[in-house]
Amino acid sequence: MSVHTSQLRIPIVDIATRYGARQGGSASKLHTFRDAFRIPRTFLLLFKEIQPARFHRPISLFFSLLFVVPGIR
């Protein structure tokens, strides 16, 4: 998110926060595997929005080679 805000030139502010122990009986809202897949997905979506040509170029090259090369033979 820092990279995205800097590219959009959005001002950011650091806010001091106190951290303490978790309250008894509460559970974490983090899910190891689900969150591990969501983070790269978010990076790809941001990359696609910020630089669409660089995102779609490998996909178009793949399909071009997939259909052109067999047509040459």
PDB file of N, CA and C in Angstrom:
ATOM      1  N   MET A   1       0.820  -1.175   0.000  1.00  0.00           N
ATOM      2  CA  MET A   1       0.000   0.000   0.000  1.00  0.00           C
ATOM      3  C   MET A   1       0.876   1.256   0.000  1.00  0.00           C
ATOM      4  N   SER A   2       2.046   1.168   0.576  1.00  0.00           N
ATOM      5  CA  SER A   2       2.941   2.326   0.591  1.00  0.00           C
ATOM      6  C   SER A   2       3.347   2.724  -0.819  1.00  0.00           C
ATOM      7  N   VAL A   3       3.653   1.732  -1.640  1.00  0.00           N
ATOM      8  CA  VAL A   3       4.045   2.010  -3.026  1.00  0.00           C
ATOM      9  C   VAL A   3       2.882   2.633  -3.784  1.00  0.00           C
ATOM     10  N   HIS A   4       1.702   2.093  -3.601  1.00  0.00           N
ATOM     11  CA  HIS A   4       0.514   2.590  -4.299  1.00  0.00           C
ATOM     12  C   HIS A   4       0.217   4.038  -3.907  1.00  0.00           C
ATOM     13  N   THR A   5       0.278   4.336  -2.627  1.00  0.00           N
ATOM     14  CA  THR A   5       0.008   5.714  -2.193  1.00  0.00           C
ATOM     15  C   THR A   5       1.088   6.670  -2.673  1.00  0.00           C
ATOM     16  N   SER A   6       2.333   6.221  -2.734  1.00  0.00           N
ATOM     17  CA  SER A   6       3.398   7.111  -3.208  1.00  0.00           C
ATOM     18  C   SER A   6       3.250   7.380  -4.702  1.00  0.00           C
ATOM     19  N   GLN A   7       2.817   6.389  -5.471  1.00  0.00           N
ATOM     20  CA  GLN A   7       2.617   6.605  -6.901  1.00  0.00           C
ATOM     21  C   GLN A   7       1.439   7.530  -7.171  1.00  0.00           C
ATOM     22  N   LEU A   8       0.436   7.488  -6.316  1.00  0.00           N
ATOM     23  CA  LEU A   8      -0.709   8.385  -6.466  1.00  0.00           C
ATOM     24  C   LEU A   8      -0.475   9.731  -5.775  1.00  0.00           C
ATOM     25  N   ARG A   9       0.685   9.853  -5.132  1.00  0.00           N
ATOM     26  CA  ARG A   9       1.082  11.073  -4.417  1.00  0.00           C
ATOM     27  C   ARG A   9       0.075  11.461  -3.334  1.00  0.00           C
ATOM     28  N   ILE A  10      -0.386  10.461  -2.627  1.00  0.00           N
ATOM     29  CA  ILE A  10      -1.310  10.675  -1.519  1.00  0.00           C
ATOM     30  C   ILE A  10      -0.477  10.878  -0.255  1.00  0.00           C
ATOM     31  N   PRO A  11      -0.723  11.939   0.489  1.00  0.00           N
ATOM     32  CA  PRO A  11       0.056  12.133   1.718  1.00  0.00           C
ATOM     33  C   PRO A  11      -0.289  11.067   2.760  1.00  0.00           C
ATOM     34  N   ILE A  12       0.736  10.633   3.486  1.00  0.00           N
ATOM     35  CA  ILE A  12       0.534   9.633   4.531  1.00  0.00           C
ATOM     36  C   ILE A  12       1.013  10.198   5.864  1.00  0.00           C
ATOM     37  N   VAL A  13       0.478   9.639   6.927  1.00  0.00           N
ATOM     38  CA  VAL A  13       0.828  10.089   8.275  1.00  0.00           C
ATOM     39  C   VAL A  13       1.027   8.852   9.146  1.00  0.00           C
ATOM     40  N   ASP A  14       2.058   8.858   9.961  1.00  0.00           N
ATOM     41  CA  ASP A  14       2.263   7.793  10.935  1.00  0.00           C
ATOM     42  C   ASP A  14       1.459   8.111  12.178  1.00  0.00           C
ATOM     43  N   ILE A  15       0.744   7.132  12.669  1.00  0.00           N
ATOM     44  CA  ILE A  15      -0.070   7.311  13.862  1.00  0.00           C
ATOM     45  C   ILE A  15       0.455   6.371  14.935  1.00  0.00           C
ATOM     46  N   ALA A  16       0.804   6.917  16.079  1.00  0.00           N
ATOM     47  CA  ALA A  16       1.299   6.106  17.194  1.00  0.00           C
ATOM     48  C   ALA A  16       0.150   5.275  17.754  1.00  0.00           C
ATOM     49  N   THR A  17       0.404   3.995  17.966  1.00  0.00           N
ATOM     50  CA  THR A  17      -0.619   3.081  18.455  1.00  0.00           C
ATOM     51  C   THR A  17      -0.053   2.263  19.601  1.00  0.00           C
ATOM     52  N   ARG A  18      -0.846   2.085  20.632  1.00  0.00           N
ATOM     53  CA  ARG A  18      -0.422   1.244  21.739  1.00  0.00           C
ATOM     54  C   ARG A  18      -0.846  -0.192  21.455  1.00  0.00           C
ATOM     55  N   TYR A  19       0.062  -1.107  21.685  1.00  0.00           N
ATOM     56  CA  TYR A  19      -0.236  -2.520  21.509  1.00  0.00           C
ATOM     57  C   TYR A  19      -0.291  -3.187  22.870  1.00  0.00           C
ATOM     58  N   GLY A  20      -1.221  -4.064  23.034  1.00  0.00           N
ATOM     59  CA  GLY A  20      -1.333  -4.778  24.299  1.00  0.00           C
ATOM     60  C   GLY A  20      -1.631  -6.242  24.045  1.00  0.00           C
ATOM     61  N   ALA A  21      -1.748  -6.984  25.092  1.00  0.00           N
ATOM     62  CA  ALA A  21      -2.057  -8.408  24.974  1.00  0.00           C
ATOM     63  C   ALA A  21      -3.501  -8.578  24.492  1.00  0.00           C
ATOM     64  N   ARG A  22      -3.734  -9.661  23.797  1.00  0.00           N
ATOM     65  CA  ARG A  22      -5.076  -9.972  23.319  1.00  0.00           C
ATOM     66  C   ARG A  22      -5.982 -10.269  24.506  1.00  0.00           C
ATOM     67  N   GLN A  23      -7.222  -9.847  24.388  1.00  0.00           N
ATOM     68  CA  GLN A  23      -8.174 -10.110  25.453  1.00  0.00           C
ATOM     69  C   GLN A  23      -8.429 -11.604  25.562  1.00  0.00           C
ATOM     70  N   GLY A  24      -8.658 -12.063  26.751  1.00  0.00           N
ATOM     71  CA  GLY A  24      -8.911 -13.485  26.967  1.00  0.00           C
ATOM     72  C   GLY A  24     -10.161 -13.957  26.234  1.00  0.00           C
ATOM     73  N   GLY A  25     -10.062 -15.114  25.594  1.00  0.00           N
ATOM     74  CA  GLY A  25     -11.205 -15.690  24.887  1.00  0.00           C
ATOM     75  C   GLY A  25     -11.369 -15.202  23.456  1.00  0.00           C
ATOM     76  N   SER A  26     -10.562 -14.244  23.019  1.00  0.00           N
ATOM     77  CA  SER A  26     -10.688 -13.768  21.642  1.00  0.00           C
ATOM     78  C   SER A  26      -9.773 -14.583  20.729  1.00  0.00           C
ATOM     79  N   ALA A  27     -10.144 -14.645  19.467  1.00  0.00           N
ATOM     80  CA  ALA A  27      -9.367 -15.423  18.498  1.00  0.00           C
ATOM     81  C   ALA A  27      -8.805 -14.492  17.429  1.00  0.00           C
ATOM     82  N   SER A  28      -7.732 -14.920  16.809  1.00  0.00           N
ATOM     83  CA  SER A  28      -7.112 -14.144  15.743  1.00  0.00           C
ATOM     84  C   SER A  28      -7.997 -14.155  14.501  1.00  0.00           C
ATOM     85  N   LYS A  29      -8.014 -13.041  13.786  1.00  0.00           N
ATOM     86  CA  LYS A  29      -8.780 -12.953  12.545  1.00  0.00           C
ATOM     87  C   LYS A  29      -7.916 -13.275  11.332  1.00  0.00           C
ATOM     88  N   LEU A  30      -6.647 -13.591  11.575  1.00  0.00           N
ATOM     89  CA  LEU A  30      -5.751 -13.938  10.480  1.00  0.00           C
ATOM     90  C   LEU A  30      -5.913 -15.406  10.116  1.00  0.00           C
ATOM     91  N   HIS A  31      -5.863 -15.689   8.814  1.00  0.00           N
ATOM     92  CA  HIS A  31      -5.919 -17.056   8.306  1.00  0.00           C
ATOM     93  C   HIS A  31      -4.668 -17.259   7.460  1.00  0.00           C
ATOM     94  N   THR A  32      -3.787 -18.108   7.916  1.00  0.00           N
ATOM     95  CA  THR A  32      -2.464 -18.251   7.325  1.00  0.00           C
ATOM     96  C   THR A  32      -2.509 -18.491   5.834  1.00  0.00           C
ATOM     97  N   PHE A  33      -3.177 -19.534   5.370  1.00  0.00           N
ATOM     98  CA  PHE A  33      -3.136 -19.891   3.958  1.00  0.00           C
ATOM     99  C   PHE A  33      -3.994 -18.957   3.105  1.00  0.00           C
ATOM    100  N   ARG A  34      -5.170 -18.607   3.573  1.00  0.00           N
ATOM    101  CA  ARG A  34      -6.034 -17.710   2.804  1.00  0.00           C
ATOM    102  C   ARG A  34      -5.355 -16.359   2.609  1.00  0.00           C
ATOM    103  N   ASP A  35      -4.793 -15.815   3.672  1.00  0.00           N
ATOM    104  CA  ASP A  35      -4.121 -14.518   3.578  1.00  0.00           C
ATOM    105  C   ASP A  35      -2.849 -14.607   2.746  1.00  0.00           C
ATOM    106  N   ALA A  36      -2.167 -15.747   2.793  1.00  0.00           N
ATOM    107  CA  ALA A  36      -0.947 -15.929   2.006  1.00  0.00           C
ATOM    108  C   ALA A  36      -1.245 -15.881   0.513  1.00  0.00           C
ATOM    109  N   PHE A  37      -2.426 -16.281   0.088  1.00  0.00           N
ATOM    110  CA  PHE A  37      -2.801 -16.210  -1.321  1.00  0.00           C
ATOM    111  C   PHE A  37      -3.400 -14.857  -1.684  1.00  0.00           C
ATOM    112  N   ARG A  38      -3.985 -14.172  -0.741  1.00  0.00           N
ATOM    113  CA  ARG A  38      -4.596 -12.875  -1.015  1.00  0.00           C
ATOM    114  C   ARG A  38      -3.561 -11.782  -1.250  1.00  0.00           C
ATOM    115  N   ILE A  39      -2.428 -11.853  -0.588  1.00  0.00           N
ATOM    116  CA  ILE A  39      -1.417 -10.811  -0.722  1.00  0.00           C
ATOM    117  C   ILE A  39      -0.836 -10.764  -2.135  1.00  0.00           C
ATOM    118  N   PRO A  40      -0.349 -11.876  -2.706  1.00  0.00           N
ATOM    119  CA  PRO A  40       0.139 -11.807  -4.094  1.00  0.00           C
ATOM    120  C   PRO A  40      -0.966 -11.432  -5.084  1.00  0.00           C
ATOM    121  N   ARG A  41      -2.185 -11.871  -4.805  1.00  0.00           N
ATOM    122  CA  ARG A  41      -3.303 -11.516  -5.683  1.00  0.00           C
ATOM    123  C   ARG A  41      -3.511  -9.999  -5.688  1.00  0.00           C
ATOM    124  N   THR A  42      -3.408  -9.381  -4.535  1.00  0.00           N
ATOM    125  CA  THR A  42      -3.545  -7.931  -4.446  1.00  0.00           C
ATOM    126  C   THR A  42      -2.409  -7.235  -5.178  1.00  0.00           C
ATOM    127  N   PHE A  43      -1.175  -7.756  -5.056  1.00  0.00           N
ATOM    128  CA  PHE A  43      -0.047  -7.185  -5.794  1.00  0.00           C
ATOM    129  C   PHE A  43      -0.308  -7.231  -7.293  1.00  0.00           C
ATOM    130  N   LEU A  44      -0.803  -8.384  -7.785  1.00  0.00           N
ATOM    131  CA  LEU A  44      -1.083  -8.507  -9.215  1.00  0.00           C
ATOM    132  C   LEU A  44      -2.180  -7.549  -9.668  1.00  0.00           C
ATOM    133  N   LEU A  45      -3.216  -7.409  -8.868  1.00  0.00           N
ATOM    134  CA  LEU A  45      -4.295  -6.489  -9.233  1.00  0.00           C
ATOM    135  C   LEU A  45      -3.805  -5.044  -9.270  1.00  0.00           C
ATOM    136  N   LEU A  46      -2.980  -4.657  -8.314  1.00  0.00           N
ATOM    137  CA  LEU A  46      -2.422  -3.303  -8.325  1.00  0.00           C
ATOM    138  C   LEU A  46      -1.493  -3.106  -9.511  1.00  0.00           C
ATOM    139  N   PHE A  47      -0.681  -4.112  -9.819  1.00  0.00           N
ATOM    140  CA  PHE A  47       0.230  -4.037 -10.956  1.00  0.00           C
ATOM    141  C   PHE A  47      -0.557  -3.889 -12.254  1.00  0.00           C
ATOM    142  N   LYS A  48      -1.648  -4.636 -12.366  1.00  0.00           N
ATOM    143  CA  LYS A  48      -2.491  -4.566 -13.562  1.00  0.00           C
ATOM    144  C   LYS A  48      -3.120  -3.180 -13.706  1.00  0.00           C
ATOM    145  N   GLU A  49      -3.515  -2.573 -12.611  1.00  0.00           N
ATOM    146  CA  GLU A  49      -4.135  -1.258 -12.656  1.00  0.00           C
ATOM    147  C   GLU A  49      -3.120  -0.153 -12.944  1.00  0.00           C
ATOM    148  N   ILE A  50      -1.911  -0.295 -12.409  1.00  0.00           N
ATOM    149  CA  ILE A  50      -0.910   0.759 -12.538  1.00  0.00           C
ATOM    150  C   ILE A  50      -0.171   0.664 -13.871  1.00  0.00           C
ATOM    151  N   GLN A  51       0.181  -0.559 -14.291  1.00  0.00           N
ATOM    152  CA  GLN A  51       0.927  -0.745 -15.535  1.00  0.00           C
ATOM    153  C   GLN A  51       0.283  -1.858 -16.364  1.00  0.00           C
ATOM    154  N   PRO A  52      -0.843  -1.557 -17.005  1.00  0.00           N
ATOM    155  CA  PRO A  52      -1.568  -2.602 -17.730  1.00  0.00           C
ATOM    156  C   PRO A  52      -0.796  -3.197 -18.908  1.00  0.00           C
ATOM    157  N   ALA A  53      -0.003  -2.404 -19.618  1.00  0.00           N
ATOM    158  CA  ALA A  53       0.748  -2.933 -20.758  1.00  0.00           C
ATOM    159  C   ALA A  53       1.766  -3.973 -20.313  1.00  0.00           C
ATOM    160  N   ARG A  54       2.496  -3.691 -19.251  1.00  0.00           N
ATOM    161  CA  ARG A  54       3.485  -4.651 -18.748  1.00  0.00           C
ATOM    162  C   ARG A  54       2.814  -5.896 -18.186  1.00  0.00           C
ATOM    163  N   PHE A  55       1.602  -5.762 -17.672  1.00  0.00           N
ATOM    164  CA  PHE A  55       0.877  -6.912 -17.136  1.00  0.00           C
ATOM    165  C   PHE A  55       0.388  -7.825 -18.259  1.00  0.00           C
ATOM    166  N   HIS A  56      -0.163  -7.238 -19.324  1.00  0.00           N
ATOM    167  CA  HIS A  56      -0.775  -8.036 -20.387  1.00  0.00           C
ATOM    168  C   HIS A  56       0.212  -8.511 -21.456  1.00  0.00           C
ATOM    169  N   ARG A  57       1.389  -7.909 -21.534  1.00  0.00           N
ATOM    170  CA  ARG A  57       2.360  -8.280 -22.562  1.00  0.00           C
ATOM    171  C   ARG A  57       2.743  -9.770 -22.521  1.00  0.00           C
ATOM    172  N   PRO A  58       3.118 -10.341 -21.374  1.00  0.00           N
ATOM    173  CA  PRO A  58       3.468 -11.774 -21.367  1.00  0.00           C
ATOM    174  C   PRO A  58       2.291 -12.669 -21.763  1.00  0.00           C
ATOM    175  N   ILE A  59       1.099 -12.274 -21.380  1.00  0.00           N
ATOM    176  CA  ILE A  59      -0.081 -13.071 -21.733  1.00  0.00           C
ATOM    177  C   ILE A  59      -0.295 -13.043 -23.237  1.00  0.00           C
ATOM    178  N   SER A  60      -0.173 -11.867 -23.851  1.00  0.00           N
ATOM    179  CA  SER A  60      -0.366 -11.764 -25.300  1.00  0.00           C
ATOM    180  C   SER A  60       0.740 -12.485 -26.056  1.00  0.00           C
ATOM    181  N   LEU A  61       1.978 -12.420 -25.566  1.00  0.00           N
ATOM    182  CA  LEU A  61       3.067 -13.153 -26.223  1.00  0.00           C
ATOM    183  C   LEU A  61       2.836 -14.662 -26.157  1.00  0.00           C
ATOM    184  N   PHE A  62       2.366 -15.133 -25.020  1.00  0.00           N
ATOM    185  CA  PHE A  62       2.092 -16.557 -24.868  1.00  0.00           C
ATOM    186  C   PHE A  62       1.056 -17.023 -25.888  1.00  0.00           C
ATOM    187  N   PHE A  63      -0.065 -16.301 -25.975  1.00  0.00           N
ATOM    188  CA  PHE A  63      -1.109 -16.704 -26.909  1.00  0.00           C
ATOM    189  C   PHE A  63      -0.686 -16.505 -28.359  1.00  0.00           C
ATOM    190  N   SER A  64       0.126 -15.499 -28.637  1.00  0.00           N
ATOM    191  CA  SER A  64       0.640 -15.320 -29.994  1.00  0.00           C
ATOM    192  C   SER A  64       1.484 -16.511 -30.404  1.00  0.00           C
ATOM    193  N   LEU A  65       2.389 -16.927 -29.531  1.00  0.00           N
ATOM    194  CA  LEU A  65       3.224 -18.089 -29.831  1.00  0.00           C
ATOM    195  C   LEU A  65       2.395 -19.370 -29.903  1.00  0.00           C
ATOM    196  N   LEU A  66       1.401 -19.466 -29.063  1.00  0.00           N
ATOM    197  CA  LEU A  66       0.565 -20.655 -29.024  1.00  0.00           C
ATOM    198  C   LEU A  66      -0.172 -20.871 -30.344  1.00  0.00           C
ATOM    199  N   PHE A  67      -0.603 -19.792 -30.990  1.00  0.00           N
ATOM    200  CA  PHE A  67      -1.391 -19.923 -32.211  1.00  0.00           C
ATOM    201  C   PHE A  67      -0.593 -19.679 -33.485  1.00  0.00           C
ATOM    202  N   VAL A  68       0.457 -18.886 -33.444  1.00  0.00           N
ATOM    203  CA  VAL A  68       1.220 -18.577 -34.643  1.00  0.00           C
ATOM    204  C   VAL A  68       2.203 -19.679 -34.983  1.00  0.00           C
ATOM    205  N   VAL A  69       2.915 -20.194 -34.002  1.00  0.00           N
ATOM    206  CA  VAL A  69       3.949 -21.204 -34.260  1.00  0.00           C
ATOM    207  C   VAL A  69       3.357 -22.455 -34.923  1.00  0.00           C
ATOM    208  N   PRO A  70       2.253 -23.017 -34.445  1.00  0.00           N
ATOM    209  CA  PRO A  70       1.688 -24.173 -35.148  1.00  0.00           C
ATOM    210  C   PRO A  70       1.207 -23.823 -36.561  1.00  0.00           C
ATOM    211  N   GLY A  71       0.804 -22.585 -36.787  1.00  0.00           N
ATOM    212  CA  GLY A  71       0.367 -22.177 -38.118  1.00  0.00           C
ATOM    213  C   GLY A  71       1.498 -22.089 -39.107  1.00  0.00           C
ATOM    214  N   ILE A  72       2.719 -21.863 -38.648  1.00  0.00           N
ATOM    215  CA  ILE A  72       3.891 -21.772 -39.523  1.00  0.00           C
ATOM    216  C   ILE A  72       4.299 -23.150 -40.020  1.00  0.00           C
ATOM    217  N   ARG A  73       4.124 -24.165 -39.223  1.00  0.00           N
ATOM    218  CA  ARG A  73       4.553 -25.512 -39.582  1.00  0.00           C
ATOM    219  C   ARG A  73       3.662 -26.042 -40.597  1.00  0.00           C
TER     220      ARG A  73
END
